[in-house]
C-alpha atoms as a PDB file:
ATOM      1  CA  ASN A   1      56.976-302.405  25.084  1.00  0.00           C
ATOM      2  CA  GLN A   2      54.049-304.738  25.582  1.00  0.00           C
ATOM      3  CA  TYR A   3      51.655-302.568  23.546  1.00  0.00           C
ATOM      4  CA  THR A   4      53.931-302.595  20.488  1.00  0.00           C
ATOM      5  CA  ILE A   5      54.580-306.327  20.730  1.00  0.00           C
ATOM      6  CA  SER A   6      50.867-307.118  20.971  1.00  0.00           C
ATOM      7  CA  ASN A   7      50.216-304.947  17.898  1.00  0.00           C
ATOM      8  CA  ILE A   8      52.881-306.824  15.935  1.00  0.00           C
ATOM      9  CA  ILE A   9      51.404-310.177  16.965  1.00  0.00           C
ATOM     10  CA  GLU A  10      47.899-309.023  16.007  1.00  0.00           C
ATOM     11  CA  GLY A  11      49.188-307.687  12.687  1.00  0.00           C
ATOM     12  CA  ASN A  12      48.260-304.054  13.300  1.00  0.00           C
ATOM     13  CA  ASN A  13      50.242-301.478  11.371  1.00  0.00           C
ATOM     14  CA  GLY A  14      52.020-298.397  12.720  1.00  0.00           C
ATOM     15  CA  SER A  15      49.081-296.102  12.083  1.00  0.00           C
ATOM     16  CA  GLN A  16      47.036-298.047  14.625  1.00  0.00           C
ATOM     17  CA  GLU A  17      49.356-296.907  17.412  1.00  0.00           C
ATOM     18  CA  TYR A  18      48.979-293.289  16.253  1.00  0.00           C
ATOM     19  CA  GLU A  19      45.184-293.584  16.199  1.00  0.00           C
ATOM     20  CA  ASP A  20      45.154-295.168  19.660  1.00  0.00           C
ATOM     21  CA  LYS A  21      47.318-292.381  21.115  1.00  0.00           C
ATOM     22  CA  LYS A  22      45.108-289.750  19.480  1.00  0.00           C
ATOM     23  CA  TYR A  23      41.980-291.404  20.921  1.00  0.00           C
ATOM     24  CA  ILE A  24      43.515-291.603  24.402  1.00  0.00           C
ATOM     25  CA  PHE A  25      44.594-287.956  24.287  1.00  0.00           C
ATOM     26  CA  ASN A  26      41.124-286.820  23.198  1.00  0.00           C
ATOM     27  CA  THR A  27      39.544-288.909  25.955  1.00  0.00           C
ATOM     28  CA  ARG A  28      41.810-287.266  28.542  1.00  0.00           C
ATOM     29  CA  LYS A  29      40.730-283.836  27.301  1.00  0.00           C
ATOM     30  CA  LYS A  30      37.069-284.795  27.637  1.00  0.00           C
ATOM     31  CA  ILE A  31      37.595-286.068  31.181  1.00  0.00           C
ATOM     32  CA  ILE A  32      39.504-282.924  32.169  1.00  0.00           C
ATOM     33  CA  ASN A  33      36.745-280.717  30.764  1.00  0.00           C
ATOM     34  CA  LYS A  34      34.097-282.720  32.619  1.00  0.00           C
ATOM     35  CA  LEU A  35      35.999-282.435  35.906  1.00  0.00           C
ATOM     36  CA  LYS A  36      36.484-278.699  35.330  1.00  0.00           C
ATOM     37  CA  GLU A  37      32.730-278.307  34.737  1.00  0.00           C
ATOM     38  CA  GLU A  38      32.115-280.088  38.040  1.00  0.00           C
ATOM     39  CA  GLY A  39      34.222-277.499  39.837  1.00  0.00           C
ATOM     40  CA  PHE A  40      37.556-279.246  40.226  1.00  0.00           C
ATOM     41  CA  THR A  41      40.658-277.050  40.173  1.00  0.00           C
ATOM     42  CA  TYR A  42      43.592-277.777  37.874  1.00  0.00           C
ATOM     43  CA  PHE A  43      45.535-278.824  40.960  1.00  0.00           C
ATOM     44  CA  LYS A  44      42.946-281.432  41.968  1.00  0.00           C
ATOM     45  CA  ILE A  45      42.659-282.685  38.387  1.00  0.00           C
ATOM     46  CA  ALA A  46      46.446-283.058  38.298  1.00  0.00           C
ATOM     47  CA  ILE A  47      46.282-285.183  41.446  1.00  0.00           C
ATOM     48  CA  ILE A  48      43.601-287.386  39.881  1.00  0.00           C
ATOM     49  CA  PHE A  49      45.754-287.880  36.761  1.00  0.00           C
ATOM     50  CA  ASN A  50      48.929-288.270  38.847  1.00  0.00           C
ATOM     51  CA  THR A  51      50.665-285.516  36.886  1.00  0.00           C
ATOM     52  CA  THR A  52      51.506-281.841  37.247  1.00  0.00           C
ATOM     53  CA  GLU A  53      49.173-278.892  37.093  1.00  0.00           C
ATOM     54  CA  TYR A  54      51.332-277.599  34.218  1.00  0.00           C
ATOM     55  CA  GLN A  55      50.637-280.755  32.166  1.00  0.00           C
ATOM     56  CA  ILE A  56      46.887-280.412  32.725  1.00  0.00           C
ATOM     57  CA  LYS A  57      46.956-276.780  31.583  1.00  0.00           C
ATOM     58  CA  LYS A  58      49.031-277.802  28.567  1.00  0.00           C
ATOM     59  CA  ILE A  59      46.416-280.405  27.577  1.00  0.00           C
ATOM     60  CA  ILE A  60      43.613-277.842  27.991  1.00  0.00           C
ATOM     61  CA  LYS A  61      45.386-275.317  25.739  1.00  0.00           C
ATOM     62  CA  GLU A  62      45.522-277.919  22.971  1.00  0.00           C
ATOM     63  CA  LEU A  63      41.724-278.139  22.858  1.00  0.00           C
END
């Protein structure tokens, strides 16, 4: 994919991809928590993220 190719061109190693995914996942959790604090339901958060309510609950449980 484009992300992997750009990392190869830039000379980044495989651990960079892992760190990026970890950062993105943690950022999603923070956003979900913030939306929950503002009164959004899991259903509405799922619509915002264009995913299922189940996936949102799964992310929350991994906090």
